[in-house]
C-alpha atoms as a PDB file:
ATOM      1  CA  MET A   1      37.513  75.761  64.178  1.00  0.00           C
ATOM      2  CA  ALA A   2      40.222  78.419  63.650  1.00  0.00           C
ATOM      3  CA  LEU A   3      42.718  76.963  66.230  1.00  0.00           C
ATOM      4  CA  ALA A   4      42.448  73.274  65.397  1.00  0.00           C
ATOM      5  CA  ALA A   5      43.866  75.097  61.659  1.00  0.00           C
ATOM      6  CA  GLY A   6      47.160  76.534  62.964  1.00  0.00           C
ATOM      7  CA  ALA A   7      47.681  73.736  65.693  1.00  0.00           C
ATOM      8  CA  PRO A   8      50.384  70.924  64.448  1.00  0.00           C
ATOM      9  CA  GLY A   9      49.111  67.406  65.576  1.00  0.00           C
ATOM     10  CA  PRO A  10      46.716  66.589  67.723  1.00  0.00           C
ATOM     11  CA  LEU A  11      44.574  69.091  69.751  1.00  0.00           C
ATOM     12  CA  ILE A  12      46.156  68.681  73.545  1.00  0.00           C
ATOM     13  CA  ILE A  13      43.379  69.021  75.704  1.00  0.00           C
ATOM     14  CA  ALA A  14      44.065  69.835  79.579  1.00  0.00           C
ATOM     15  CA  HIS A  15      42.301  66.995  81.244  1.00  0.00           C
ATOM     16  CA  ARG A  16      41.028  69.182  84.164  1.00  0.00           C
ATOM     17  CA  GLY A  17      43.779  71.002  84.365  1.00  0.00           C
ATOM     18  CA  ALA A  18      47.464  69.860  84.184  1.00  0.00           C
ATOM     19  CA  SER A  19      45.729  67.418  87.119  1.00  0.00           C
ATOM     20  CA  GLY A  20      48.795  65.142  87.002  1.00  0.00           C
ATOM     21  CA  GLU A  21      50.577  68.007  88.877  1.00  0.00           C
ATOM     22  CA  ARG A  22      48.191  70.350  90.209  1.00  0.00           C
ATOM     23  CA  PRO A  23      44.685  69.016  92.624  1.00  0.00           C
ATOM     24  CA  GLU A  24      42.565  68.784  89.382  1.00  0.00           C
ATOM     25  CA  HIS A  25      39.723  72.007  88.513  1.00  0.00           C
ATOM     26  CA  THR A  26      41.533  74.825  89.834  1.00  0.00           C
ATOM     27  CA  ILE A  27      42.604  77.935  89.098  1.00  0.00           C
ATOM     28  CA  GLY A  28      46.535  76.392  89.535  1.00  0.00           C
ATOM     29  CA  ALA A  29      45.906  73.451  87.622  1.00  0.00           C
ATOM     30  CA  TYR A  30      44.446  75.806  84.604  1.00  0.00           C
ATOM     31  CA  GLU A  31      47.271  78.049  84.742  1.00  0.00           C
ATOM     32  CA  LEU A  32      49.912  75.700  84.870  1.00  0.00           C
ATOM     33  CA  ALA A  33      48.086  73.425  81.963  1.00  0.00           C
ATOM     34  CA  ILE A  34      47.812  77.124  79.924  1.00  0.00           C
ATOM     35  CA  ASP A  35      51.761  77.309  80.821  1.00  0.00           C
ATOM     36  CA  GLN A  36      53.040  74.249  79.510  1.00  0.00           C
ATOM     37  CA  GLY A  37      51.309  74.570  76.339  1.00  0.00           C
ATOM     38  CA  ALA A  38      47.800  72.906  76.410  1.00  0.00           C
ATOM     39  CA  ASP A  39      45.270  74.004  73.478  1.00  0.00           C
ATOM     40  CA  PHE A  40      42.287  73.556  75.621  1.00  0.00           C
ATOM     41  CA  ILE A  41      41.528  73.332  79.432  1.00  0.00           C
ATOM     42  CA  GLU A  42      38.719  71.534  80.469  1.00  0.00           C
ATOM     43  CA  PRO A  43      36.252  72.200  83.609  1.00  0.00           C
ATOM     44  CA  ASP A  44      33.329  69.896  84.420  1.00  0.00           C
ATOM     45  CA  LEU A  45      30.690  71.437  85.560  1.00  0.00           C
ATOM     46  CA  VAL A  46      27.886  71.395  87.959  1.00  0.00           C
ATOM     47  CA  SER A  47      25.916  73.878  89.604  1.00  0.00           C
ATOM     48  CA  THR A  48      25.560  75.560  92.752  1.00  0.00           C
ATOM     49  CA  ARG A  49      22.262  75.921  94.916  1.00  0.00           C
ATOM     50  CA  ASP A  50      21.820  79.543  93.374  1.00  0.00           C
ATOM     51  CA  GLY A  51      22.159  78.135  89.795  1.00  0.00           C
ATOM     52  CA  VAL A  52      25.731  79.425  89.674  1.00  0.00           C
ATOM     53  CA  LEU A  53      27.999  76.956  87.723  1.00  0.00           C
ATOM     54  CA  VAL A  54      31.292  75.762  88.985  1.00  0.00           C
ATOM     55  CA  ALA A  55      34.092  72.919  87.978  1.00  0.00           C
ATOM     56  CA  ARG A  56      33.837  69.848  89.620  1.00  0.00           C
ATOM     57  CA  HIS A  57      34.488  66.133  88.558  1.00  0.00           C
ATOM     58  CA  GLU A  58      31.453  65.504  90.183  1.00  0.00           C
ATOM     59  CA  ASN A  59      28.728  67.243  92.237  1.00  0.00           C
ATOM     60  CA  GLU A  60      29.666  65.004  95.123  1.00  0.00           C
ATOM     61  CA  ILE A  61      32.852  67.220  96.863  1.00  0.00           C
ATOM     62  CA  SER A  62      34.051  64.764  99.693  1.00  0.00           C
ATOM     63  CA  GLU A  63      37.261  63.680  97.335  1.00  0.00           C
ATOM     64  CA  THR A  64      37.772  67.133  96.456  1.00  0.00           C
ATOM     65  CA  THR A  65      37.579  69.699  98.622  1.00  0.00           C
ATOM     66  CA  ASP A  66      37.875  69.378 102.501  1.00  0.00           C
ATOM     67  CA  VAL A  67      34.196  70.264 103.602  1.00  0.00           C
ATOM     68  CA  ALA A  68      34.513  67.320 105.766  1.00  0.00           C
ATOM     69  CA  ALA A  69      36.612  69.444 107.855  1.00  0.00           C
ATOM     70  CA  HIS A  70      34.124  71.790 108.041  1.00  0.00           C
ATOM     71  CA  PRO A  71      31.327  70.816 111.200  1.00  0.00           C
ATOM     72  CA  GLU A  72      29.043  73.824 110.385  1.00  0.00           C
ATOM     73  CA  PHE A  73      28.198  71.732 107.150  1.00  0.00           C
ATOM     74  CA  ALA A  74      27.926  68.010 108.738  1.00  0.00           C
ATOM     75  CA  SER A  75      24.146  68.240 108.699  1.00  0.00           C
ATOM     76  CA  ARG A  76      24.452  68.075 104.568  1.00  0.00           C
ATOM     77  CA  LYS A  77      26.039  65.166 104.117  1.00  0.00           C
ATOM     78  CA  THR A  78      23.287  62.907 103.242  1.00  0.00           C
ATOM     79  CA  THR A  79      22.871  60.028 100.378  1.00  0.00           C
ATOM     80  CA  LYS A  80      22.052  60.615  97.023  1.00  0.00           C
ATOM     81  CA  VAL A  81      21.198  58.190  93.480  1.00  0.00           C
ATOM     82  CA  ILE A  82      22.712  60.075  90.927  1.00  0.00           C
ATOM     83  CA  ASP A  83      22.530  58.336  87.446  1.00  0.00           C
ATOM     84  CA  GLY A  84      21.370  55.148  89.332  1.00  0.00           C
ATOM     85  CA  GLN A  85      24.266  55.047  91.298  1.00  0.00           C
ATOM     86  CA  SER A  86      24.022  55.603  94.915  1.00  0.00           C
ATOM     87  CA  LEU A  87      26.584  57.585  96.284  1.00  0.00           C
ATOM     88  CA  THR A  88      27.220  59.526 100.315  1.00  0.00           C
ATOM     89  CA  GLY A  89      28.922  62.580 100.719  1.00  0.00           C
ATOM     90  CA  TRP A  90      28.086  66.468 100.296  1.00  0.00           C
ATOM     91  CA  PHE A  91      26.822  67.965  96.989  1.00  0.00           C
ATOM     92  CA  THR A  92      27.352  71.060  95.243  1.00  0.00           C
ATOM     93  CA  GLU A  93      23.479  71.443  94.667  1.00  0.00           C
ATOM     94  CA  ASP A  94      22.955  71.569  98.285  1.00  0.00           C
ATOM     95  CA  PHE A  95      25.158  74.689  98.784  1.00  0.00           C
ATOM     96  CA  THR A  96      25.142  78.751  97.690  1.00  0.00           C
ATOM     97  CA  LEU A  97      28.220  79.648  95.345  1.00  0.00           C
ATOM     98  CA  ALA A  98      29.003  82.017  98.780  1.00  0.00           C
ATOM     99  CA  GLU A  99      29.343  78.806 101.285  1.00  0.00           C
ATOM    100  CA  LEU A 100      31.106  76.909  98.174  1.00  0.00           C
ATOM    101  CA  LYS A 101      33.954  79.752  98.563  1.00  0.00           C
ATOM    102  CA  THR A 102      34.973  78.550 102.293  1.00  0.00           C
ATOM    103  CA  LEU A 103      36.191  75.551 101.290  1.00  0.00           C
ATOM    104  CA  ARG A 104      39.922  74.440  99.557  1.00  0.00           C
ATOM    105  CA  ALA A 105      40.187  72.046  97.140  1.00  0.00           C
ATOM    106  CA  ARG A 106      42.658  69.397  97.227  1.00  0.00           C
ATOM    107  CA  GLU A 107      44.118  66.167  96.041  1.00  0.00           C
ATOM    108  CA  ARG A 108      41.680  63.439  94.597  1.00  0.00           C
ATOM    109  CA  LEU A 109      44.759  60.688  93.813  1.00  0.00           C
ATOM    110  CA  PRO A 110      46.736  61.127  96.909  1.00  0.00           C
ATOM    111  CA  GLN A 111      47.669  57.685  96.785  1.00  0.00           C
ATOM    112  CA  LEU A 112      48.957  58.072  93.460  1.00  0.00           C
ATOM    113  CA  ARG A 113      50.052  61.613  93.080  1.00  0.00           C
ATOM    114  CA  GLN A 114      51.459  62.445  96.800  1.00  0.00           C
ATOM    115  CA  ALA A 115      53.174  65.328  95.627  1.00  0.00           C
ATOM    116  CA  ASN A 116      50.076  66.843  94.247  1.00  0.00           C
ATOM    117  CA  THR A 117      49.030  67.084  97.904  1.00  0.00           C
ATOM    118  CA  ALA A 118      51.336  69.706  99.046  1.00  0.00           C
ATOM    119  CA  TYR A 119      48.681  71.989  97.414  1.00  0.00           C
ATOM    120  CA  ASP A 120      45.734  71.482  99.503  1.00  0.00           C
ATOM    121  CA  GLY A 121      44.333  74.129 100.567  1.00  0.00           C
ATOM    122  CA  ARG A 122      46.132  76.811  98.066  1.00  0.00           C
ATOM    123  CA  TRP A 123      43.040  77.169  95.949  1.00  0.00           C
ATOM    124  CA  ASP A 124      38.848  76.887  96.623  1.00  0.00           C
ATOM    125  CA  VAL A 125      36.154  75.958  94.014  1.00  0.00           C
ATOM    126  CA  PRO A 126      36.203  78.019  90.550  1.00  0.00           C
ATOM    127  CA  THR A 127      33.251  79.195  88.858  1.00  0.00           C
ATOM    128  CA  LEU A 128      33.029  79.043  84.619  1.00  0.00           C
ATOM    129  CA  ASP A 129      33.480  82.842  84.954  1.00  0.00           C
ATOM    130  CA  GLU A 130      36.242  83.095  86.566  1.00  0.00           C
ATOM    131  CA  ILE A 131      37.904  80.811  84.192  1.00  0.00           C
ATOM    132  CA  ILE A 132      36.948  82.178  81.487  1.00  0.00           C
ATOM    133  CA  ALA A 133      38.351  85.280  82.815  1.00  0.00           C
ATOM    134  CA  LEU A 134      41.603  83.560  83.493  1.00  0.00           C
ATOM    135  CA  VAL A 135      41.718  82.195  79.636  1.00  0.00           C
ATOM    136  CA  GLN A 136      40.655  85.532  78.475  1.00  0.00           C
ATOM    137  CA  ARG A 137      43.515  87.117  80.440  1.00  0.00           C
ATOM    138  CA  ARG A 138      46.390  84.814  79.704  1.00  0.00           C
ATOM    139  CA  GLU A 139      45.231  84.592  76.254  1.00  0.00           C
ATOM    140  CA  LYS A 140      46.072  88.665  76.372  1.00  0.00           C
ATOM    141  CA  ASP A 141      49.530  87.726  78.287  1.00  0.00           C
ATOM    142  CA  THR A 142      50.837  85.052  75.349  1.00  0.00           C
ATOM    143  CA  GLY A 143      49.351  85.906  72.159  1.00  0.00           C
ATOM    144  CA  ARG A 144      47.934  82.653  71.873  1.00  0.00           C
ATOM    145  CA  ARG A 145      44.236  81.986  71.683  1.00  0.00           C
ATOM    146  CA  ILE A 146      43.299  79.499  74.455  1.00  0.00           C
ATOM    147  CA  GLY A 147      40.140  77.853  74.129  1.00  0.00           C
ATOM    148  CA  LEU A 148      37.604  75.919  76.454  1.00  0.00           C
ATOM    149  CA  TYR A 149      36.285  72.445  76.503  1.00  0.00           C
ATOM    150  CA  PRO A 150      33.270  72.613  78.994  1.00  0.00           C
ATOM    151  CA  GLU A 151      31.463  69.481  79.948  1.00  0.00           C
ATOM    152  CA  THR A 152      28.483  69.108  81.524  1.00  0.00           C
ATOM    153  CA  LYS A 153      27.707  66.664  84.108  1.00  0.00           C
ATOM    154  CA  HIS A 154      24.728  65.119  84.916  1.00  0.00           C
ATOM    155  CA  PRO A 155      22.803  67.420  82.887  1.00  0.00           C
ATOM    156  CA  SER A 156      19.464  65.656  83.364  1.00  0.00           C
ATOM    157  CA  TYR A 157      19.657  65.467  87.082  1.00  0.00           C
ATOM    158  CA  PHE A 158      20.433  69.144  87.535  1.00  0.00           C
ATOM    159  CA  ARG A 159      17.301  69.749  85.434  1.00  0.00           C
ATOM    160  CA  THR A 160      14.842  67.906  87.539  1.00  0.00           C
ATOM    161  CA  LEU A 161      16.293  69.860  89.812  1.00  0.00           C
ATOM    162  CA  GLY A 162      15.504  73.157  88.651  1.00  0.00           C
ATOM    163  CA  LEU A 163      19.135  73.844  88.119  1.00  0.00           C
ATOM    164  CA  PRO A 164      19.499  73.160  84.548  1.00  0.00           C
ATOM    165  CA  LEU A 165      22.881  73.484  83.114  1.00  0.00           C
ATOM    166  CA  GLU A 166      22.908  74.154  79.405  1.00  0.00           C
ATOM    167  CA  GLU A 167      21.009  77.918  79.328  1.00  0.00           C
ATOM    168  CA  PRO A 168      23.426  79.387  81.730  1.00  0.00           C
ATOM    169  CA  LEU A 169      26.727  77.552  79.506  1.00  0.00           C
ATOM    170  CA  VAL A 170      25.604  79.116  76.461  1.00  0.00           C
ATOM    171  CA  ARG A 171      24.496  82.254  78.013  1.00  0.00           C
ATOM    172  CA  THR A 172      27.915  82.550  79.967  1.00  0.00           C
ATOM    173  CA  LEU A 173      30.130  81.921  76.850  1.00  0.00           C
ATOM    174  CA  ALA A 174      27.643  83.929  74.759  1.00  0.00           C
ATOM    175  CA  GLU A 175      28.668  87.013  77.025  1.00  0.00           C
ATOM    176  CA  ALA A 176      32.168  86.087  76.722  1.00  0.00           C
ATOM    177  CA  GLY A 177      31.972  86.080  73.690  1.00  0.00           C
ATOM    178  CA  TYR A 178      31.629  82.623  72.341  1.00  0.00           C
ATOM    179  CA  VAL A 179      28.951  81.859  69.653  1.00  0.00           C
ATOM    180  CA  SER A 180      30.577  80.686  66.207  1.00  0.00           C
ATOM    181  CA  PRO A 181      31.590  77.569  64.997  1.00  0.00           C
ATOM    182  CA  ASP A 182      34.977  79.018  64.701  1.00  0.00           C
ATOM    183  CA  ASP A 183      35.506  80.385  68.370  1.00  0.00           C
ATOM    184  CA  PRO A 184      37.496  78.031  70.488  1.00  0.00           C
ATOM    185  CA  VAL A 185      35.553  76.272  72.080  1.00  0.00           C
ATOM    186  CA  PHE A 186      33.691  72.248  72.473  1.00  0.00           C
ATOM    187  CA  ILE A 187      31.120  71.377  74.640  1.00  0.00           C
ATOM    188  CA  GLN A 188      30.972  67.415  75.971  1.00  0.00           C
ATOM    189  CA  SER A 189      28.438  65.482  77.433  1.00  0.00           C
ATOM    190  CA  PHE A 190      28.143  61.781  78.172  1.00  0.00           C
ATOM    191  CA  GLU A 191      24.278  62.466  77.941  1.00  0.00           C
ATOM    192  CA  VAL A 192      22.501  62.474  74.162  1.00  0.00           C
ATOM    193  CA  GLY A 193      19.006  64.893  75.246  1.00  0.00           C
ATOM    194  CA  ASN A 194      21.048  67.354  76.426  1.00  0.00           C
ATOM    195  CA  LEU A 195      23.310  68.141  73.324  1.00  0.00           C
ATOM    196  CA  LYS A 196      20.420  67.467  71.135  1.00  0.00           C
ATOM    197  CA  ARG A 197      19.065  70.187  73.506  1.00  0.00           C
ATOM    198  CA  LEU A 198      22.514  72.326  72.925  1.00  0.00           C
ATOM    199  CA  ASP A 199      22.384  72.094  69.390  1.00  0.00           C
ATOM    200  CA  GLY A 200      19.004  73.802  69.141  1.00  0.00           C
ATOM    201  CA  MET A 201      20.755  76.498  71.886  1.00  0.00           C
ATOM    202  CA  THR A 202      24.475  77.374  70.174  1.00  0.00           C
ATOM    203  CA  ARG A 203      26.123  76.908  67.195  1.00  0.00           C
ATOM    204  CA  LEU A 204      29.605  76.416  69.223  1.00  0.00           C
ATOM    205  CA  PRO A 205      30.865  72.510  68.161  1.00  0.00           C
ATOM    206  CA  LEU A 206      29.542  69.538  70.460  1.00  0.00           C
ATOM    207  CA  ILE A 207      30.787  66.514  71.488  1.00  0.00           C
ATOM    208  CA  GLN A 208      29.543  63.655  72.477  1.00  0.00           C
ATOM    209  CA  LEU A 209      31.397  60.799  74.938  1.00  0.00           C
ATOM    210  CA  MET A 210      31.659  57.783  75.247  1.00  0.00           C
ATOM    211  CA  ALA A 211      32.783  54.652  77.515  1.00  0.00           C
ATOM    212  CA  ALA A 212      33.205  51.158  75.687  1.00  0.00           C
ATOM    213  CA  PRO A 213      31.021  49.143  78.192  1.00  0.00           C
ATOM    214  CA  ALA A 214      28.656  51.597  79.037  1.00  0.00           C
ATOM    215  CA  GLY A 215      25.784  53.956  77.356  1.00  0.00           C
ATOM    216  CA  PRO A 216      24.256  57.189  77.919  1.00  0.00           C
ATOM    217  CA  PRO A 217      22.770  57.830  81.384  1.00  0.00           C
ATOM    218  CA  ASP A 218      19.394  59.227  79.711  1.00  0.00           C
ATOM    219  CA  LEU A 219      18.953  56.811  77.356  1.00  0.00           C
ATOM    220  CA  PRO A 220      19.341  53.623  79.558  1.00  0.00           C
ATOM    221  CA  ASP A 221      18.284  51.373  76.312  1.00  0.00           C
ATOM    222  CA  ALA A 222      21.386  52.528  74.004  1.00  0.00           C
ATOM    223  CA  THR A 223      24.865  51.467  73.971  1.00  0.00           C
ATOM    224  CA  TYR A 224      27.741  53.467  73.202  1.00  0.00           C
ATOM    225  CA  ALA A 225      28.956  50.635  71.859  1.00  0.00           C
ATOM    226  CA  ALA A 226      26.315  50.728  69.147  1.00  0.00           C
ATOM    227  CA  MET A 227      26.700  54.589  69.020  1.00  0.00           C
ATOM    228  CA  SER A 228      30.126  54.047  67.511  1.00  0.00           C
ATOM    229  CA  THR A 229      28.933  51.403  64.488  1.00  0.00           C
ATOM    230  CA  LEU A 230      28.568  53.253  61.345  1.00  0.00           C
ATOM    231  CA  ALA A 231      25.136  53.532  61.700  1.00  0.00           C
ATOM    232  CA  GLY A 232      25.301  55.281  65.222  1.00  0.00           C
ATOM    233  CA  LEU A 233      28.233  57.464  64.331  1.00  0.00           C
ATOM    234  CA  ALA A 234      25.672  58.706  61.407  1.00  0.00           C
ATOM    235  CA  GLU A 235      23.353  59.232  63.926  1.00  0.00           C
ATOM    236  CA  ILE A 236      25.618  61.226  66.209  1.00  0.00           C
ATOM    237  CA  ALA A 237      26.534  63.088  63.229  1.00  0.00           C
ATOM    238  CA  LEU A 238      23.427  64.637  63.410  1.00  0.00           C
ATOM    239  CA  TYR A 239      23.710  66.420  66.355  1.00  0.00           C
ATOM    240  CA  ALA A 240      27.133  66.552  67.435  1.00  0.00           C
ATOM    241  CA  ASP A 241      30.346  67.753  65.588  1.00  0.00           C
ATOM    242  CA  GLY A 242      32.711  65.008  66.838  1.00  0.00           C
ATOM    243  CA  VAL A 243      32.993  62.215  69.549  1.00  0.00           C
ATOM    244  CA  GLY A 244      35.218  62.008  72.986  1.00  0.00           C
ATOM    245  CA  VAL A 245      35.992  58.895  73.563  1.00  0.00           C
ATOM    246  CA  GLU A 246      37.954  56.152  75.626  1.00  0.00           C
ATOM    247  CA  LYS A 247      41.063  55.049  74.976  1.00  0.00           C
ATOM    248  CA  ALA A 248      40.139  51.817  74.344  1.00  0.00           C
ATOM    249  CA  MET A 249      37.416  52.112  71.567  1.00  0.00           C
ATOM    250  CA  VAL A 250      40.100  53.467  69.421  1.00  0.00           C
ATOM    251  CA  ILE A 251      43.381  51.329  70.689  1.00  0.00           C
ATOM    252  CA  PRO A 252      42.345  48.643  73.024  1.00  0.00           C
ATOM    253  CA  ARG A 253      44.525  46.147  75.248  1.00  0.00           C
ATOM    254  CA  ASP A 254      44.954  42.324  74.613  1.00  0.00           C
ATOM    255  CA  ALA A 255      45.159  39.954  76.915  1.00  0.00           C
ATOM    256  CA  THR A 256      48.343  40.679  78.813  1.00  0.00           C
ATOM    257  CA  GLY A 257      47.784  44.795  78.949  1.00  0.00           C
ATOM    258  CA  HIS A 258      49.615  45.456  75.759  1.00  0.00           C
ATOM    259  CA  LEU A 259      48.213  47.562  72.743  1.00  0.00           C
ATOM    260  CA  ALA A 260      46.251  45.467  70.356  1.00  0.00           C
ATOM    261  CA  GLN A 261      45.466  46.737  67.106  1.00  0.00           C
ATOM    262  CA  PRO A 262      43.538  50.087  66.723  1.00  0.00           C
ATOM    263  CA  THR A 263      39.488  49.684  65.560  1.00  0.00           C
ATOM    264  CA  SER A 264      38.196  51.139  62.716  1.00  0.00           C
ATOM    265  CA  LEU A 265      36.899  54.141  65.189  1.00  0.00           C
ATOM    266  CA  VAL A 266      38.857  57.023  63.978  1.00  0.00           C
ATOM    267  CA  ARG A 267      38.073  56.004  60.156  1.00  0.00           C
ATOM    268  CA  ASP A 268      34.514  55.270  60.479  1.00  0.00           C
ATOM    269  CA  ALA A 269      34.060  58.977  62.439  1.00  0.00           C
ATOM    270  CA  HIS A 270      36.266  60.598  60.138  1.00  0.00           C
ATOM    271  CA  GLY A 271      33.324  59.313  57.249  1.00  0.00           C
ATOM    272  CA  ALA A 272      30.326  60.417  59.263  1.00  0.00           C
ATOM    273  CA  GLY A 273      32.459  64.183  59.308  1.00  0.00           C
ATOM    274  CA  LEU A 274      33.045  63.603  63.186  1.00  0.00           C
ATOM    275  CA  LYS A 275      36.214  64.486  64.699  1.00  0.00           C
ATOM    276  CA  VAL A 276      37.845  62.293  67.184  1.00  0.00           C
ATOM    277  CA  HIS A 277      38.791  63.085  70.604  1.00  0.00           C
ATOM    278  CA  VAL A 278      40.547  60.198  73.276  1.00  0.00           C
ATOM    279  CA  TRP A 279      40.499  59.755  76.755  1.00  0.00           C
ATOM    280  CA  THR A 280      43.076  60.212  79.329  1.00  0.00           C
ATOM    281  CA  PHE A 281      46.221  59.893  79.000  1.00  0.00           C
ATOM    282  CA  ARG A 282      48.457  59.463  82.224  1.00  0.00           C
ATOM    283  CA  ARG A 283      51.840  58.918  82.899  1.00  0.00           C
ATOM    284  CA  GLU A 284      51.523  56.540  86.045  1.00  0.00           C
ATOM    285  CA  ASN A 285      52.511  53.251  85.570  1.00  0.00           C
ATOM    286  CA  TYR A 286      48.919  52.588  86.850  1.00  0.00           C
ATOM    287  CA  PHE A 287      47.117  53.995  83.529  1.00  0.00           C
ATOM    288  CA  LEU A 288      49.639  52.580  81.411  1.00  0.00           C
ATOM    289  CA  PRO A 289      50.004  49.533  79.150  1.00  0.00           C
ATOM    290  CA  MET A 290      52.171  46.808  80.232  1.00  0.00           C
ATOM    291  CA  ASN A 291      55.112  47.492  78.281  1.00  0.00           C
ATOM    292  CA  LEU A 292      55.379  51.240  78.935  1.00  0.00           C
ATOM    293  CA  ARG A 293      55.397  51.100  82.602  1.00  0.00           C
ATOM    294  CA  ALA A 294      58.655  52.007  84.322  1.00  0.00           C
ATOM    295  CA  GLY A 295      59.365  49.084  87.245  1.00  0.00           C
ATOM    296  CA  ASP A 296      56.697  47.621  89.366  1.00  0.00           C
ATOM    297  CA  SER A 297      55.483  50.486  91.540  1.00  0.00           C
ATOM    298  CA  PRO A 298      52.305  51.841  90.231  1.00  0.00           C
ATOM    299  CA  LEU A 299      53.080  55.599  91.108  1.00  0.00           C
ATOM    300  CA  ALA A 300      56.021  55.430  88.898  1.00  0.00           C
ATOM    301  CA  HIS A 301      56.214  57.480  85.235  1.00  0.00           C
ATOM    302  CA  GLY A 302      55.953  55.512  82.590  1.00  0.00           C
ATOM    303  CA  ASP A 303      56.212  56.478  79.192  1.00  0.00           C
ATOM    304  CA  VAL A 304      53.384  58.075  78.264  1.00  0.00           C
ATOM    305  CA  ILE A 305      54.702  59.721  75.225  1.00  0.00           C
ATOM    306  CA  ALA A 306      54.856  56.763  73.572  1.00  0.00           C
ATOM    307  CA  GLU A 307      51.482  55.624  74.560  1.00  0.00           C
ATOM    308  CA  ILE A 308      50.326  58.766  73.053  1.00  0.00           C
ATOM    309  CA  GLN A 309      52.425  58.918  69.694  1.00  0.00           C
ATOM    310  CA  ALA A 310      50.201  55.510  69.275  1.00  0.00           C
ATOM    311  CA  PHE A 311      47.077  56.862  69.875  1.00  0.00           C
ATOM    312  CA  LYS A 312      48.613  59.892  67.242  1.00  0.00           C
ATOM    313  CA  ALA A 313      49.189  57.502  64.206  1.00  0.00           C
ATOM    314  CA  THR A 314      45.667  56.352  64.158  1.00  0.00           C
ATOM    315  CA  GLY A 315      44.841  59.841  63.180  1.00  0.00           C
ATOM    316  CA  ILE A 316      42.929  61.285  66.202  1.00  0.00           C
ATOM    317  CA  ASP A 317      42.224  65.075  66.150  1.00  0.00           C
ATOM    318  CA  GLY A 318      42.695  65.606  69.648  1.00  0.00           C
ATOM    319  CA  LEU A 319      43.509  64.299  73.100  1.00  0.00           C
ATOM    320  CA  PHE A 320      42.678  64.894  76.764  1.00  0.00           C
ATOM    321  CA  SER A 321      46.328  64.420  78.975  1.00  0.00           C
ATOM    322  CA  ASP A 322      46.443  64.983  83.132  1.00  0.00           C
ATOM    323  CA  ASN A 323      50.258  65.465  82.000  1.00  0.00           C
ATOM    324  CA  VAL A 324      50.124  68.252  79.362  1.00  0.00           C
ATOM    325  CA  ALA A 325      54.110  68.581  79.020  1.00  0.00           C
ATOM    326  CA  GLU A 326      54.332  65.366  77.958  1.00  0.00           C
ATOM    327  CA  ALA A 327      51.561  65.587  75.790  1.00  0.00           C
ATOM    328  CA  VAL A 328      53.092  68.080  73.988  1.00  0.00           C
ATOM    329  CA  ALA A 329      56.288  66.608  73.697  1.00  0.00           C
ATOM    330  CA  ALA A 330      54.488  63.560  71.987  1.00  0.00           C
ATOM    331  CA  VAL A 331      52.606  65.645  69.712  1.00  0.00           C
ATOM    332  CA  ARG A 332      55.131  68.671  68.896  1.00  0.00           C
END
């Protein structure tokens, strides 16, 4: 794609925006990520009751909004089973966009990111249309090409509700001018069926997400471990353009919590014609290898730049980070 050709080193994907410094999936988080030099911003997409795509990490929103403080919505608290997991809370599909817009976003990890709570209540839940408008406005302001990296969250679940994600996503992107394999968009999913459906709907690049111990929610007999073999990667290449993999699938950690030797995944994926994007790099000690931590507090900021550089050396094509400034320093 055109953006990748001009960017030195791996692409930098702002994971839910600059979510290490602002509440995730807010206009403020996306704006800061753009200011810090991200190549792509990543909105996770779910649907409202009236079929509007909005950015939340999950359709259950009690952790990322102030919905629990709204007595008018108290009766909507419920328990649902999403991809086999029982969850209790409030869900986007039970709210119209107008109702959702009365809520305010808040920090999802206040124990680790106390400073981010200063921004609680500043922004609402953004729609995909609003995010695209932001990106295109900032492209004009900066003269840079800024990419979009949407993830379809629980697409099979939403389709069973009559609220499919694929059709409005492809339509909205096309209306905004994103239709070509060279346009700066990747669409990602942990599921397989919806990527295959998307492959028949759009020419935009598609990314198969994978997490080491799990498997696709829509294929209970499959595992990501099997999908990361040579044969599995060849199958992915039939419908996708790359893989978005958990860090441990590229460089695992040993028994002491240090980085071990890299696996063959990057080489194998490249051999199958697939890009490799790795998630997620975060600067807090809590997320870092033991030898890259600073002191004993899980909240302290360790050497995420060194961690990123170790992964860069494996030949990865892109990386997701909550901390865009550090990722830029590591890559550029």
